[in-house]
């Protein structure tokens, strides 16, 4: 007999209101565009830290998730490919995120010109002033500080990914599309992971559909269940 499956731990997620509070609070942080990209795509921490400008097409509003910057023995190293099938997957990005990345690139171009030959040659999308990419753990620590400064509950970087998926579900995006965008192995795994969200949406769907179809045709005299 197979052992019973352990119930999945429900992750901490931010609501849409909390996400807006966070983004408004970090608007002028150096890595604001990084967190915006994460919250509008749900890609993994290593993937967002590993992105290079060659992976980005702002005119077409596309990014290709390719390399990972992972932590091995405390050091950040680049690892080709990703964890699952979205290791080399092209996904769309929204207009707001594209505009933020354009502004970020303008700042980065100014810094590249200032540092000249001393600028790090890695072509990373997100960098410090001299072109060095941030350590993934540094980004995690920065998230902790920024969330606290915004008066929000502590959340892990991986929870930002879950916040994106939960928000996309609530926005009415197909589970299959979300599953493909965040690189889950299959849509069944995604549905199992987010069953609690879908359950709430199912109840809302029942009420909204009945209200639309029935109107006042089945008036119970003001009584409610």
N, C-alpha and C. Protein backbone atom coordinates (compact mmCIF):
# COMPACT_ATOMS: atom_id res chain seq x y z
N UNK A 1 0.83 -1.20 0.00
CA UNK A 1 0.00 0.00 0.00
C UNK A 1 0.87 1.25 0.00
N UNK A 2 0.44 2.22 -0.75
CA UNK A 2 1.15 3.49 -0.74
C UNK A 2 0.83 4.24 0.54
N UNK A 3 1.84 4.88 1.15
CA UNK A 3 1.55 5.68 2.35
C UNK A 3 0.64 6.84 2.00
N UNK A 4 -0.20 7.27 2.96
CA UNK A 4 -1.09 8.41 2.67
C UNK A 4 -0.28 9.66 2.36
N UNK A 5 -0.77 10.45 1.43
CA UNK A 5 -0.07 11.67 1.04
C UNK A 5 -0.25 12.73 2.12
N UNK A 6 0.85 13.39 2.40
CA UNK A 6 0.79 14.47 3.37
C UNK A 6 0.05 15.67 2.78
N UNK A 7 -0.79 16.30 3.58
CA UNK A 7 -1.47 17.50 3.06
C UNK A 7 -0.45 18.59 2.78
N UNK A 8 -0.67 19.32 1.69
CA UNK A 8 0.25 20.39 1.33
C UNK A 8 0.13 21.55 2.31
N UNK A 9 1.28 22.11 2.65
CA UNK A 9 1.28 23.28 3.53
C UNK A 9 0.76 24.48 2.76
N UNK A 10 -0.22 25.16 3.33
CA UNK A 10 -0.75 26.35 2.66
C UNK A 10 0.24 27.50 2.84
N UNK A 11 0.59 28.11 1.74
CA UNK A 11 1.58 29.18 1.77
C UNK A 11 0.94 30.49 2.21
N UNK A 12 1.81 31.37 2.73
CA UNK A 12 1.38 32.73 3.02
C UNK A 12 1.35 33.51 1.72
N UNK A 13 0.26 34.20 1.46
CA UNK A 13 0.19 35.03 0.25
C UNK A 13 -0.30 36.41 0.63
N UNK A 14 0.09 37.38 -0.18
CA UNK A 14 -0.43 38.73 -0.03
C UNK A 14 -1.67 38.89 -0.89
N UNK A 15 -2.61 39.66 -0.37
CA UNK A 15 -3.80 40.02 -1.15
C UNK A 15 -3.41 41.07 -2.19
N UNK A 16 -4.33 41.34 -3.11
CA UNK A 16 -4.08 42.39 -4.10
C UNK A 16 -3.83 43.73 -3.43
N UNK A 17 -4.57 44.00 -2.37
CA UNK A 17 -4.38 45.27 -1.65
C UNK A 17 -2.99 45.34 -1.02
N UNK A 18 -2.53 44.23 -0.45
CA UNK A 18 -1.20 44.21 0.16
C UNK A 18 -0.11 44.34 -0.89
N UNK A 19 -0.31 43.73 -2.04
CA UNK A 19 0.66 43.85 -3.13
C UNK A 19 0.77 45.31 -3.57
N UNK A 20 -0.36 45.98 -3.69
CA UNK A 20 -0.34 47.40 -4.08
C UNK A 20 0.36 48.25 -3.03
N UNK A 21 0.08 47.95 -1.76
CA UNK A 21 0.74 48.69 -0.68
C UNK A 21 2.25 48.51 -0.76
N UNK A 22 2.69 47.29 -0.99
CA UNK A 22 4.12 46.99 -1.10
C UNK A 22 4.74 47.74 -2.27
N UNK A 23 4.12 47.65 -3.44
CA UNK A 23 4.70 48.27 -4.63
C UNK A 23 4.75 49.79 -4.52
N UNK A 24 3.74 50.39 -3.91
CA UNK A 24 3.78 51.84 -3.70
C UNK A 24 4.90 52.22 -2.74
N UNK A 25 5.11 51.39 -1.72
CA UNK A 25 6.12 51.67 -0.71
C UNK A 25 7.54 51.57 -1.27
N UNK A 26 7.75 50.66 -2.24
CA UNK A 26 9.12 50.43 -2.74
C UNK A 26 9.38 51.15 -4.06
N UNK A 27 8.51 52.03 -4.46
CA UNK A 27 8.58 52.65 -5.79
C UNK A 27 9.97 53.18 -6.12
N UNK A 28 10.68 53.71 -5.12
CA UNK A 28 11.99 54.31 -5.39
C UNK A 28 13.14 53.44 -4.90
N UNK A 29 12.86 52.20 -4.56
CA UNK A 29 13.93 51.27 -4.20
C UNK A 29 14.68 50.85 -5.46
N UNK A 30 15.96 50.58 -5.32
CA UNK A 30 16.75 50.22 -6.50
C UNK A 30 16.17 49.02 -7.23
N UNK A 31 15.70 48.04 -6.49
CA UNK A 31 15.24 46.80 -7.12
C UNK A 31 13.71 46.72 -7.19
N UNK A 32 13.06 47.87 -7.24
CA UNK A 32 11.59 47.89 -7.35
C UNK A 32 11.12 47.13 -8.59
N UNK A 33 11.82 47.31 -9.71
CA UNK A 33 11.41 46.65 -10.95
C UNK A 33 11.55 45.13 -10.85
N UNK A 34 12.53 44.68 -10.09
CA UNK A 34 12.70 43.23 -9.87
C UNK A 34 11.47 42.66 -9.16
N UNK A 35 11.05 43.33 -8.09
CA UNK A 35 9.90 42.82 -7.33
C UNK A 35 8.62 42.95 -8.15
N UNK A 36 8.51 44.02 -8.94
CA UNK A 36 7.34 44.16 -9.81
C UNK A 36 7.29 43.02 -10.82
N UNK A 37 8.42 42.70 -11.43
CA UNK A 37 8.47 41.61 -12.39
C UNK A 37 8.09 40.29 -11.74
N UNK A 38 8.58 40.07 -10.53
CA UNK A 38 8.24 38.83 -9.82
C UNK A 38 6.74 38.75 -9.55
N UNK A 39 6.15 39.84 -9.11
CA UNK A 39 4.73 39.83 -8.74
C UNK A 39 3.80 39.82 -9.95
N UNK A 40 4.34 40.04 -11.15
CA UNK A 40 3.50 39.98 -12.35
C UNK A 40 3.83 38.79 -13.25
N UNK A 41 4.77 37.94 -12.80
CA UNK A 41 5.08 36.73 -13.57
C UNK A 41 5.12 35.47 -12.72
N UNK A 42 5.52 35.59 -11.45
CA UNK A 42 5.59 34.42 -10.59
C UNK A 42 6.77 33.50 -10.86
N UNK A 43 7.79 33.98 -11.57
CA UNK A 43 8.94 33.12 -11.81
C UNK A 43 9.75 32.96 -10.53
N UNK A 44 10.65 31.99 -10.51
CA UNK A 44 11.40 31.67 -9.29
C UNK A 44 12.49 32.71 -9.02
N UNK A 45 12.93 32.74 -7.76
CA UNK A 45 13.95 33.72 -7.36
C UNK A 45 15.22 33.57 -8.19
N UNK A 46 15.69 32.34 -8.36
CA UNK A 46 16.90 32.12 -9.14
C UNK A 46 16.75 32.54 -10.58
N UNK A 47 15.53 32.42 -11.10
CA UNK A 47 15.29 32.81 -12.49
C UNK A 47 15.27 34.32 -12.66
N UNK A 48 14.62 35.02 -11.74
CA UNK A 48 14.58 36.48 -11.87
C UNK A 48 15.96 37.08 -11.64
N UNK A 49 16.75 36.47 -10.75
CA UNK A 49 18.11 36.95 -10.51
C UNK A 49 19.05 36.59 -11.66
N UNK A 50 18.70 35.55 -12.42
CA UNK A 50 19.54 35.11 -13.52
C UNK A 50 19.20 35.73 -14.86
N UNK A 51 18.14 36.51 -14.94
CA UNK A 51 17.74 37.10 -16.21
C UNK A 51 18.80 38.05 -16.75
N UNK A 52 18.97 38.02 -18.07
CA UNK A 52 19.88 38.94 -18.76
C UNK A 52 19.09 39.72 -19.80
N UNK A 53 19.65 40.83 -20.21
CA UNK A 53 18.94 41.65 -21.19
C UNK A 53 18.71 40.89 -22.49
N UNK A 54 19.57 39.94 -22.80
CA UNK A 54 19.37 39.14 -24.01
C UNK A 54 18.14 38.24 -23.91
N UNK A 55 17.62 38.08 -22.69
CA UNK A 55 16.40 37.28 -22.48
C UNK A 55 15.13 38.13 -22.58
N UNK A 56 15.30 39.43 -22.78
CA UNK A 56 14.17 40.36 -22.69
C UNK A 56 13.93 41.05 -24.03
N UNK A 57 12.69 41.05 -24.47
CA UNK A 57 12.29 41.80 -25.66
C UNK A 57 11.16 42.75 -25.24
N UNK A 58 11.54 43.98 -24.93
CA UNK A 58 10.55 44.93 -24.42
C UNK A 58 9.54 45.34 -25.48
N UNK A 59 9.96 45.41 -26.74
CA UNK A 59 9.03 45.79 -27.80
C UNK A 59 7.93 44.74 -27.97
N UNK A 60 8.33 43.47 -27.89
CA UNK A 60 7.35 42.38 -28.03
C UNK A 60 6.69 42.03 -26.70
N UNK A 61 7.18 42.63 -25.60
CA UNK A 61 6.70 42.37 -24.24
C UNK A 61 6.84 40.88 -23.89
N UNK A 62 8.06 40.38 -24.06
CA UNK A 62 8.35 38.97 -23.79
C UNK A 62 9.64 38.84 -22.99
N UNK A 63 9.69 37.84 -22.12
CA UNK A 63 10.95 37.44 -21.49
C UNK A 63 11.10 35.93 -21.67
N UNK A 64 12.34 35.50 -21.78
CA UNK A 64 12.63 34.07 -21.85
C UNK A 64 13.33 33.66 -20.58
N UNK A 65 12.67 32.81 -19.81
CA UNK A 65 13.24 32.29 -18.57
C UNK A 65 14.25 31.22 -18.96
N UNK A 66 15.51 31.45 -18.61
CA UNK A 66 16.55 30.54 -19.10
C UNK A 66 17.48 30.09 -17.98
N UNK A 67 18.33 31.00 -17.52
CA UNK A 67 19.34 30.62 -16.53
C UNK A 67 18.88 30.91 -15.11
N UNK A 68 19.49 30.21 -14.17
CA UNK A 68 19.24 30.40 -12.74
C UNK A 68 20.50 30.92 -12.07
N UNK A 69 20.33 31.84 -11.12
CA UNK A 69 21.42 32.14 -10.18
C UNK A 69 21.02 31.51 -8.87
N UNK A 70 21.71 30.42 -8.54
CA UNK A 70 21.36 29.64 -7.35
C UNK A 70 22.46 29.77 -6.31
N UNK A 71 22.12 29.43 -5.08
CA UNK A 71 23.07 29.53 -3.97
C UNK A 71 23.63 28.14 -3.67
N UNK A 72 24.94 28.00 -3.79
CA UNK A 72 25.62 26.74 -3.50
C UNK A 72 26.73 27.03 -2.51
N UNK A 73 26.61 26.47 -1.32
CA UNK A 73 27.62 26.72 -0.29
C UNK A 73 27.76 28.19 0.06
N UNK A 74 26.65 28.91 -0.02
CA UNK A 74 26.66 30.33 0.31
C UNK A 74 27.02 31.24 -0.85
N UNK A 75 27.54 30.65 -1.93
CA UNK A 75 27.94 31.44 -3.10
C UNK A 75 26.85 31.40 -4.17
N UNK A 76 26.69 32.51 -4.88
CA UNK A 76 25.75 32.56 -5.99
C UNK A 76 26.46 32.07 -7.25
N UNK A 77 25.89 31.07 -7.89
CA UNK A 77 26.48 30.53 -9.12
C UNK A 77 25.40 30.46 -10.18
N UNK A 78 25.83 30.55 -11.42
CA UNK A 78 24.89 30.49 -12.53
C UNK A 78 24.73 29.05 -12.98
N UNK A 79 23.49 28.65 -13.12
CA UNK A 79 23.18 27.28 -13.53
C UNK A 79 22.28 27.35 -14.75
N UNK A 80 22.74 26.76 -15.85
CA UNK A 80 21.95 26.78 -17.07
C UNK A 80 20.69 25.95 -16.89
N UNK A 81 19.59 26.46 -17.43
CA UNK A 81 18.33 25.73 -17.32
C UNK A 81 17.67 25.99 -16.00
N UNK A 82 16.45 25.53 -15.87
CA UNK A 82 15.68 25.76 -14.65
C UNK A 82 15.21 24.47 -14.04
N UNK A 83 14.31 24.59 -13.10
CA UNK A 83 13.86 23.45 -12.32
C UNK A 83 12.90 22.56 -13.09
N UNK A 84 12.05 23.15 -13.90
CA UNK A 84 11.04 22.38 -14.59
C UNK A 84 10.96 22.80 -16.04
N UNK A 85 9.82 22.52 -16.67
CA UNK A 85 9.72 22.72 -18.11
C UNK A 85 9.77 24.18 -18.53
N UNK A 86 9.61 25.13 -17.60
CA UNK A 86 9.72 26.52 -18.02
C UNK A 86 11.17 26.98 -17.95
N UNK A 87 12.12 26.00 -17.94
CA UNK A 87 13.54 26.33 -17.87
C UNK A 87 13.97 27.18 -19.06
N UNK A 88 13.32 27.03 -20.19
CA UNK A 88 13.65 27.83 -21.37
C UNK A 88 12.35 28.24 -22.05
N UNK A 89 11.48 28.88 -21.28
CA UNK A 89 10.15 29.21 -21.76
C UNK A 89 10.00 30.71 -21.91
N UNK A 90 9.35 31.11 -22.98
CA UNK A 90 9.09 32.52 -23.22
C UNK A 90 7.68 32.86 -22.74
N UNK A 91 7.59 33.91 -21.90
CA UNK A 91 6.29 34.32 -21.38
C UNK A 91 6.10 35.82 -21.59
N UNK A 92 4.85 36.22 -21.64
CA UNK A 92 4.51 37.63 -21.86
C UNK A 92 4.61 38.41 -20.56
N UNK A 93 4.93 39.69 -20.70
CA UNK A 93 4.89 40.60 -19.55
C UNK A 93 3.97 41.76 -19.89
N UNK A 94 3.36 42.33 -18.87
CA UNK A 94 2.36 43.36 -19.06
C UNK A 94 2.99 44.72 -19.36
N UNK A 95 2.18 45.65 -19.81
CA UNK A 95 2.66 46.98 -20.23
C UNK A 95 3.26 47.77 -19.07
N UNK A 96 2.66 47.66 -17.88
CA UNK A 96 3.19 48.39 -16.73
C UNK A 96 4.59 47.93 -16.39
N UNK A 97 4.79 46.61 -16.41
CA UNK A 97 6.12 46.06 -16.11
C UNK A 97 7.12 46.44 -17.19
N UNK A 98 6.69 46.43 -18.44
CA UNK A 98 7.57 46.84 -19.54
C UNK A 98 8.02 48.28 -19.34
N UNK A 99 7.10 49.17 -18.99
CA UNK A 99 7.45 50.58 -18.77
C UNK A 99 8.44 50.72 -17.63
N UNK A 100 8.26 49.95 -16.56
CA UNK A 100 9.19 50.00 -15.43
C UNK A 100 10.57 49.52 -15.85
N UNK A 101 10.62 48.48 -16.68
CA UNK A 101 11.91 47.96 -17.14
C UNK A 101 12.59 48.94 -18.08
N UNK A 102 11.84 49.67 -18.86
CA UNK A 102 12.45 50.70 -19.73
C UNK A 102 13.11 51.79 -18.89
N UNK A 103 12.42 52.23 -17.85
CA UNK A 103 13.01 53.25 -16.96
C UNK A 103 14.25 52.70 -16.26
N UNK A 104 14.17 51.44 -15.85
CA UNK A 104 15.31 50.81 -15.19
C UNK A 104 16.50 50.73 -16.14
N UNK A 105 16.26 50.40 -17.41
CA UNK A 105 17.35 50.29 -18.38
C UNK A 105 18.01 51.65 -18.61
N UNK A 106 17.23 52.71 -18.60
CA UNK A 106 17.81 54.05 -18.76
C UNK A 106 18.79 54.35 -17.62
N UNK A 107 18.39 54.03 -16.39
CA UNK A 107 19.29 54.22 -15.25
C UNK A 107 20.53 53.36 -15.40
N UNK A 108 20.34 52.13 -15.77
CA UNK A 108 21.46 51.20 -15.92
C UNK A 108 22.43 51.67 -17.01
N UNK A 109 21.91 52.19 -18.10
CA UNK A 109 22.76 52.69 -19.18
C UNK A 109 23.62 53.86 -18.70
N UNK A 110 23.03 54.72 -17.87
CA UNK A 110 23.79 55.84 -17.31
C UNK A 110 24.92 55.33 -16.42
N UNK A 111 24.63 54.33 -15.62
CA UNK A 111 25.65 53.76 -14.74
C UNK A 111 26.74 53.05 -15.54
N UNK A 112 26.36 52.37 -16.60
CA UNK A 112 27.34 51.68 -17.45
C UNK A 112 28.30 52.69 -18.07
N UNK A 113 27.76 53.81 -18.50
CA UNK A 113 28.61 54.85 -19.09
C UNK A 113 29.54 55.45 -18.04
N UNK A 114 29.04 55.63 -16.82
CA UNK A 114 29.85 56.21 -15.75
C UNK A 114 31.01 55.30 -15.38
N UNK A 115 30.76 54.01 -15.24
CA UNK A 115 31.80 53.07 -14.81
C UNK A 115 32.73 52.65 -15.95
N UNK A 116 32.28 52.77 -17.18
CA UNK A 116 33.13 52.44 -18.31
C UNK A 116 33.62 51.00 -18.27
N UNK A 117 34.94 50.82 -18.44
CA UNK A 117 35.52 49.48 -18.48
C UNK A 117 35.39 48.74 -17.15
N UNK A 118 35.14 49.47 -16.07
CA UNK A 118 35.01 48.82 -14.76
C UNK A 118 33.63 48.21 -14.54
N UNK A 119 32.73 48.45 -15.49
CA UNK A 119 31.37 47.92 -15.35
C UNK A 119 31.38 46.41 -15.57
N UNK A 120 30.68 45.68 -14.74
CA UNK A 120 30.63 44.21 -14.84
C UNK A 120 30.06 43.79 -16.19
N UNK A 121 30.70 42.86 -16.89
CA UNK A 121 30.31 42.53 -18.26
C UNK A 121 29.18 41.51 -18.38
N UNK A 122 28.51 41.16 -17.31
CA UNK A 122 27.58 40.03 -17.34
C UNK A 122 26.26 40.22 -18.05
N UNK A 123 25.87 41.47 -18.39
CA UNK A 123 24.61 41.73 -19.09
C UNK A 123 23.37 41.36 -18.27
N UNK A 124 23.51 41.32 -16.94
CA UNK A 124 22.37 40.94 -16.11
C UNK A 124 21.30 42.02 -16.12
N UNK A 125 20.06 41.58 -16.04
CA UNK A 125 18.94 42.50 -16.05
C UNK A 125 18.93 43.37 -14.80
N UNK A 126 19.13 42.76 -13.65
CA UNK A 126 19.11 43.49 -12.38
C UNK A 126 20.50 43.48 -11.76
N UNK A 127 21.00 44.69 -11.46
CA UNK A 127 22.39 44.82 -11.01
C UNK A 127 22.53 45.94 -9.99
N UNK A 128 23.70 45.95 -9.37
CA UNK A 128 24.12 47.11 -8.59
C UNK A 128 24.67 48.16 -9.56
N UNK A 129 25.12 49.28 -9.01
CA UNK A 129 25.56 50.39 -9.87
C UNK A 129 26.70 50.00 -10.81
N UNK A 130 27.56 49.08 -10.38
CA UNK A 130 28.72 48.70 -11.20
C UNK A 130 28.45 47.49 -12.08
N UNK A 131 27.19 47.07 -12.17
CA UNK A 131 26.84 45.97 -13.07
C UNK A 131 26.86 44.59 -12.44
N UNK A 132 27.28 44.50 -11.18
CA UNK A 132 27.28 43.18 -10.52
C UNK A 132 25.85 42.75 -10.22
N UNK A 133 25.54 41.47 -10.46
CA UNK A 133 24.19 40.99 -10.12
C UNK A 133 24.07 40.77 -8.62
N UNK A 134 22.90 40.97 -8.05
CA UNK A 134 22.73 40.76 -6.61
C UNK A 134 22.73 39.28 -6.26
N UNK A 135 23.22 38.98 -5.07
CA UNK A 135 23.15 37.61 -4.54
C UNK A 135 21.68 37.30 -4.25
N UNK A 136 21.18 36.12 -4.62
CA UNK A 136 19.76 35.79 -4.36
C UNK A 136 19.37 35.94 -2.89
N UNK A 137 20.28 35.60 -1.97
CA UNK A 137 19.95 35.74 -0.55
C UNK A 137 19.83 37.21 -0.15
N UNK A 138 20.60 38.07 -0.81
CA UNK A 138 20.50 39.51 -0.53
C UNK A 138 19.13 40.04 -0.93
N UNK A 139 18.61 39.53 -2.04
CA UNK A 139 17.27 39.93 -2.48
C UNK A 139 16.22 39.46 -1.47
N UNK A 140 16.40 38.27 -0.94
CA UNK A 140 15.48 37.76 0.09
C UNK A 140 15.50 38.66 1.32
N UNK A 141 16.71 39.02 1.75
CA UNK A 141 16.84 39.89 2.93
C UNK A 141 16.25 41.28 2.65
N UNK A 142 16.43 41.75 1.44
CA UNK A 142 15.87 43.06 1.07
C UNK A 142 14.34 43.00 1.12
N UNK A 143 13.77 41.90 0.66
CA UNK A 143 12.32 41.73 0.72
C UNK A 143 11.83 41.82 2.15
N UNK A 144 12.54 41.17 3.07
CA UNK A 144 12.15 41.22 4.49
C UNK A 144 12.10 42.67 4.98
N UNK A 145 13.15 43.43 4.67
CA UNK A 145 13.22 44.82 5.14
C UNK A 145 12.13 45.68 4.52
N UNK A 146 11.92 45.51 3.22
CA UNK A 146 10.94 46.33 2.53
C UNK A 146 9.52 46.02 2.98
N UNK A 147 9.24 44.74 3.21
CA UNK A 147 7.91 44.36 3.69
C UNK A 147 7.65 44.95 5.07
N UNK A 148 8.66 44.87 5.94
CA UNK A 148 8.51 45.43 7.29
C UNK A 148 8.29 46.94 7.22
N UNK A 149 9.04 47.61 6.36
CA UNK A 149 8.91 49.06 6.23
C UNK A 149 7.53 49.46 5.71
N UNK A 150 6.92 48.57 4.92
CA UNK A 150 5.59 48.84 4.38
C UNK A 150 4.48 48.45 5.34
N UNK A 151 4.88 47.88 6.51
CA UNK A 151 3.89 47.47 7.50
C UNK A 151 3.16 46.20 7.15
N UNK A 152 3.81 45.35 6.34
CA UNK A 152 3.18 44.11 5.88
C UNK A 152 3.75 42.90 6.61
N UNK A 153 2.99 41.82 6.60
CA UNK A 153 3.46 40.58 7.20
C UNK A 153 4.65 40.04 6.43
N UNK A 154 5.53 39.33 7.14
CA UNK A 154 6.71 38.76 6.50
C UNK A 154 6.27 37.71 5.49
N UNK A 155 6.95 37.71 4.36
CA UNK A 155 6.62 36.78 3.30
C UNK A 155 7.92 36.34 2.63
N UNK A 156 8.03 35.09 2.24
CA UNK A 156 9.23 34.63 1.57
C UNK A 156 9.17 34.99 0.09
N UNK A 157 10.31 34.91 -0.58
CA UNK A 157 10.30 35.21 -2.01
C UNK A 157 9.43 34.19 -2.74
N UNK A 158 9.48 32.94 -2.30
CA UNK A 158 8.66 31.91 -2.94
C UNK A 158 7.18 32.21 -2.75
N UNK A 159 6.84 32.87 -1.63
CA UNK A 159 5.44 33.24 -1.40
C UNK A 159 4.99 34.34 -2.36
N UNK A 160 5.92 35.15 -2.85
CA UNK A 160 5.55 36.13 -3.88
C UNK A 160 5.04 35.40 -5.12
N UNK A 161 5.68 34.30 -5.43
CA UNK A 161 5.27 33.45 -6.56
C UNK A 161 3.84 32.94 -6.35
N UNK A 162 3.56 32.50 -5.13
CA UNK A 162 2.22 32.01 -4.82
C UNK A 162 1.21 33.16 -4.81
N UNK A 163 1.66 34.34 -4.40
CA UNK A 163 0.77 35.50 -4.42
C UNK A 163 0.37 35.84 -5.85
N UNK A 164 1.33 35.72 -6.77
CA UNK A 164 1.02 35.96 -8.18
C UNK A 164 -0.02 34.95 -8.68
N UNK A 165 0.23 33.66 -8.41
CA UNK A 165 -0.68 32.62 -8.90
C UNK A 165 -2.08 32.78 -8.32
N UNK A 166 -2.14 33.08 -7.02
CA UNK A 166 -3.44 33.27 -6.37
C UNK A 166 -4.17 34.48 -6.96
N UNK A 167 -3.43 35.57 -7.16
CA UNK A 167 -4.04 36.76 -7.75
C UNK A 167 -4.53 36.52 -9.17
N UNK A 168 -3.75 35.77 -9.94
CA UNK A 168 -4.15 35.46 -11.32
C UNK A 168 -5.43 34.63 -11.34
N UNK A 169 -5.53 33.67 -10.41
CA UNK A 169 -6.75 32.88 -10.31
C UNK A 169 -7.95 33.77 -9.99
N UNK A 170 -7.76 34.66 -9.02
CA UNK A 170 -8.86 35.54 -8.62
C UNK A 170 -9.23 36.52 -9.74
N UNK A 171 -8.27 36.81 -10.61
CA UNK A 171 -8.55 37.70 -11.75
C UNK A 171 -9.26 36.96 -12.88
N UNK A 172 -9.42 35.65 -12.74
CA UNK A 172 -10.15 34.87 -13.73
C UNK A 172 -9.29 34.24 -14.81
N UNK A 173 -7.97 34.24 -14.63
CA UNK A 173 -7.09 33.61 -15.61
C UNK A 173 -7.22 32.09 -15.51
N UNK A 174 -7.18 31.42 -16.63
CA UNK A 174 -7.31 29.97 -16.66
C UNK A 174 -6.21 29.30 -15.86
N UNK A 175 -6.55 28.29 -15.01
CA UNK A 175 -5.52 27.56 -14.27
C UNK A 175 -4.45 26.96 -15.19
N UNK A 176 -4.84 26.51 -16.36
CA UNK A 176 -3.87 25.94 -17.31
C UNK A 176 -2.85 26.99 -17.74
N UNK A 177 -3.33 28.19 -18.03
CA UNK A 177 -2.42 29.27 -18.46
C UNK A 177 -1.48 29.65 -17.33
N UNK A 178 -2.01 29.80 -16.12
CA UNK A 178 -1.16 30.16 -14.98
C UNK A 178 -0.13 29.08 -14.74
N UNK A 179 -0.57 27.81 -14.78
CA UNK A 179 0.34 26.69 -14.57
C UNK A 179 1.50 26.72 -15.56
N UNK A 180 1.19 27.02 -16.81
CA UNK A 180 2.23 27.09 -17.84
C UNK A 180 3.16 28.27 -17.60
N UNK A 181 2.61 29.40 -17.18
CA UNK A 181 3.43 30.59 -16.98
C UNK A 181 4.42 30.42 -15.83
N UNK A 182 4.00 29.77 -14.75
CA UNK A 182 4.90 29.63 -13.61
C UNK A 182 5.69 28.33 -13.65
N UNK A 183 5.45 27.50 -14.68
CA UNK A 183 6.28 26.33 -14.89
C UNK A 183 5.97 25.14 -14.02
N UNK A 184 4.74 25.00 -13.54
CA UNK A 184 4.39 23.79 -12.82
C UNK A 184 4.42 22.60 -13.77
N UNK A 185 4.80 21.44 -13.24
CA UNK A 185 4.99 20.26 -14.07
C UNK A 185 3.72 19.88 -14.83
N UNK A 186 2.57 20.03 -14.20
CA UNK A 186 1.31 19.75 -14.88
C UNK A 186 0.20 20.52 -14.20
N UNK A 187 -0.90 20.69 -14.92
CA UNK A 187 -2.00 21.49 -14.38
C UNK A 187 -2.65 20.80 -13.19
N UNK A 188 -2.58 19.45 -13.12
CA UNK A 188 -3.14 18.74 -11.98
C UNK A 188 -2.44 19.12 -10.69
N UNK A 189 -1.11 19.24 -10.75
CA UNK A 189 -0.34 19.66 -9.58
C UNK A 189 -0.74 21.07 -9.17
N UNK A 190 -0.92 21.93 -10.16
CA UNK A 190 -1.32 23.31 -9.88
C UNK A 190 -2.69 23.34 -9.20
N UNK A 191 -3.65 22.58 -9.74
CA UNK A 191 -5.00 22.57 -9.18
C UNK A 191 -5.00 22.05 -7.75
N UNK A 192 -4.14 21.07 -7.48
CA UNK A 192 -4.05 20.53 -6.12
C UNK A 192 -3.47 21.58 -5.18
N UNK A 193 -2.45 22.28 -5.64
CA UNK A 193 -1.79 23.28 -4.81
C UNK A 193 -2.72 24.44 -4.47
N UNK A 194 -3.55 24.83 -5.42
CA UNK A 194 -4.40 26.02 -5.23
C UNK A 194 -5.88 25.66 -5.07
N UNK A 195 -6.15 24.44 -4.58
CA UNK A 195 -7.53 23.99 -4.41
C UNK A 195 -8.32 24.91 -3.49
N UNK A 196 -7.64 25.45 -2.45
CA UNK A 196 -8.35 26.31 -1.49
C UNK A 196 -8.84 27.60 -2.15
N UNK A 197 -8.05 28.12 -3.10
CA UNK A 197 -8.46 29.33 -3.81
C UNK A 197 -9.64 29.01 -4.73
N UNK A 198 -9.53 27.88 -5.44
CA UNK A 198 -10.58 27.50 -6.36
C UNK A 198 -11.88 27.21 -5.63
N UNK A 199 -11.77 26.67 -4.40
CA UNK A 199 -12.97 26.41 -3.61
C UNK A 199 -13.71 27.68 -3.28
N UNK A 200 -12.98 28.71 -2.89
CA UNK A 200 -13.61 30.00 -2.61
C UNK A 200 -14.23 30.59 -3.86
N UNK A 201 -13.51 30.47 -4.99
CA UNK A 201 -14.03 31.01 -6.24
C UNK A 201 -15.28 30.26 -6.68
N UNK A 202 -15.34 28.96 -6.37
CA UNK A 202 -16.51 28.17 -6.74
C UNK A 202 -17.75 28.69 -6.03
N UNK A 203 -17.60 29.04 -4.75
CA UNK A 203 -18.75 29.57 -4.01
C UNK A 203 -19.18 30.92 -4.59
N UNK A 204 -18.19 31.76 -4.91
CA UNK A 204 -18.52 33.06 -5.49
C UNK A 204 -19.19 32.88 -6.85
N UNK A 205 -18.72 31.88 -7.62
CA UNK A 205 -19.31 31.62 -8.93
C UNK A 205 -20.77 31.20 -8.80
N UNK A 206 -21.06 30.39 -7.77
CA UNK A 206 -22.44 29.95 -7.56
C UNK A 206 -23.36 31.14 -7.31
N UNK A 207 -22.94 32.05 -6.45
CA UNK A 207 -23.76 33.21 -6.13
C UNK A 207 -23.92 34.15 -7.33
N UNK A 208 -22.80 34.43 -8.01
CA UNK A 208 -22.84 35.37 -9.12
C UNK A 208 -23.68 34.84 -10.27
N UNK A 209 -23.54 33.54 -10.56
CA UNK A 209 -24.30 32.96 -11.67
C UNK A 209 -25.79 32.93 -11.36
N UNK A 210 -26.13 32.55 -10.12
CA UNK A 210 -27.54 32.51 -9.74
C UNK A 210 -28.16 33.90 -9.79
N UNK A 211 -27.42 34.90 -9.32
CA UNK A 211 -27.93 36.27 -9.35
C UNK A 211 -28.19 36.74 -10.77
N UNK A 212 -27.27 36.38 -11.68
CA UNK A 212 -27.42 36.77 -13.08
C UNK A 212 -28.60 36.06 -13.75
N UNK A 213 -28.72 34.76 -13.51
CA UNK A 213 -29.74 33.96 -14.19
C UNK A 213 -31.13 34.14 -13.60
N UNK A 214 -31.21 34.26 -12.28
CA UNK A 214 -32.51 34.25 -11.61
C UNK A 214 -33.11 35.63 -11.40
N UNK A 215 -32.25 36.61 -11.14
CA UNK A 215 -32.78 37.93 -10.83
C UNK A 215 -33.73 37.84 -9.65
N UNK A 216 -34.95 38.36 -9.81
CA UNK A 216 -35.94 38.27 -8.74
C UNK A 216 -37.01 37.22 -9.05
N UNK A 217 -36.71 36.30 -9.98
CA UNK A 217 -37.70 35.30 -10.38
C UNK A 217 -38.01 34.31 -9.27
N UNK A 218 -37.10 34.15 -8.34
CA UNK A 218 -37.30 33.18 -7.25
C UNK A 218 -37.17 33.94 -5.93
N UNK A 219 -38.08 34.86 -5.72
CA UNK A 219 -38.04 35.70 -4.52
C UNK A 219 -38.52 34.90 -3.33
N UNK A 220 -37.67 34.83 -2.29
CA UNK A 220 -38.04 34.07 -1.09
C UNK A 220 -38.60 34.96 0.00
N UNK A 221 -38.99 36.15 -0.37
CA UNK A 221 -39.57 37.06 0.61
C UNK A 221 -38.56 37.66 1.56
N UNK A 222 -37.30 37.69 1.13
CA UNK A 222 -36.26 38.30 1.96
C UNK A 222 -35.54 37.33 2.85
N UNK A 223 -35.98 36.05 2.86
CA UNK A 223 -35.29 35.07 3.70
C UNK A 223 -34.01 34.64 3.00
N UNK A 224 -32.98 34.37 3.75
CA UNK A 224 -31.71 33.92 3.18
C UNK A 224 -31.18 32.77 3.99
N UNK A 225 -30.37 31.92 3.34
CA UNK A 225 -29.84 30.73 4.00
C UNK A 225 -28.72 31.10 4.94
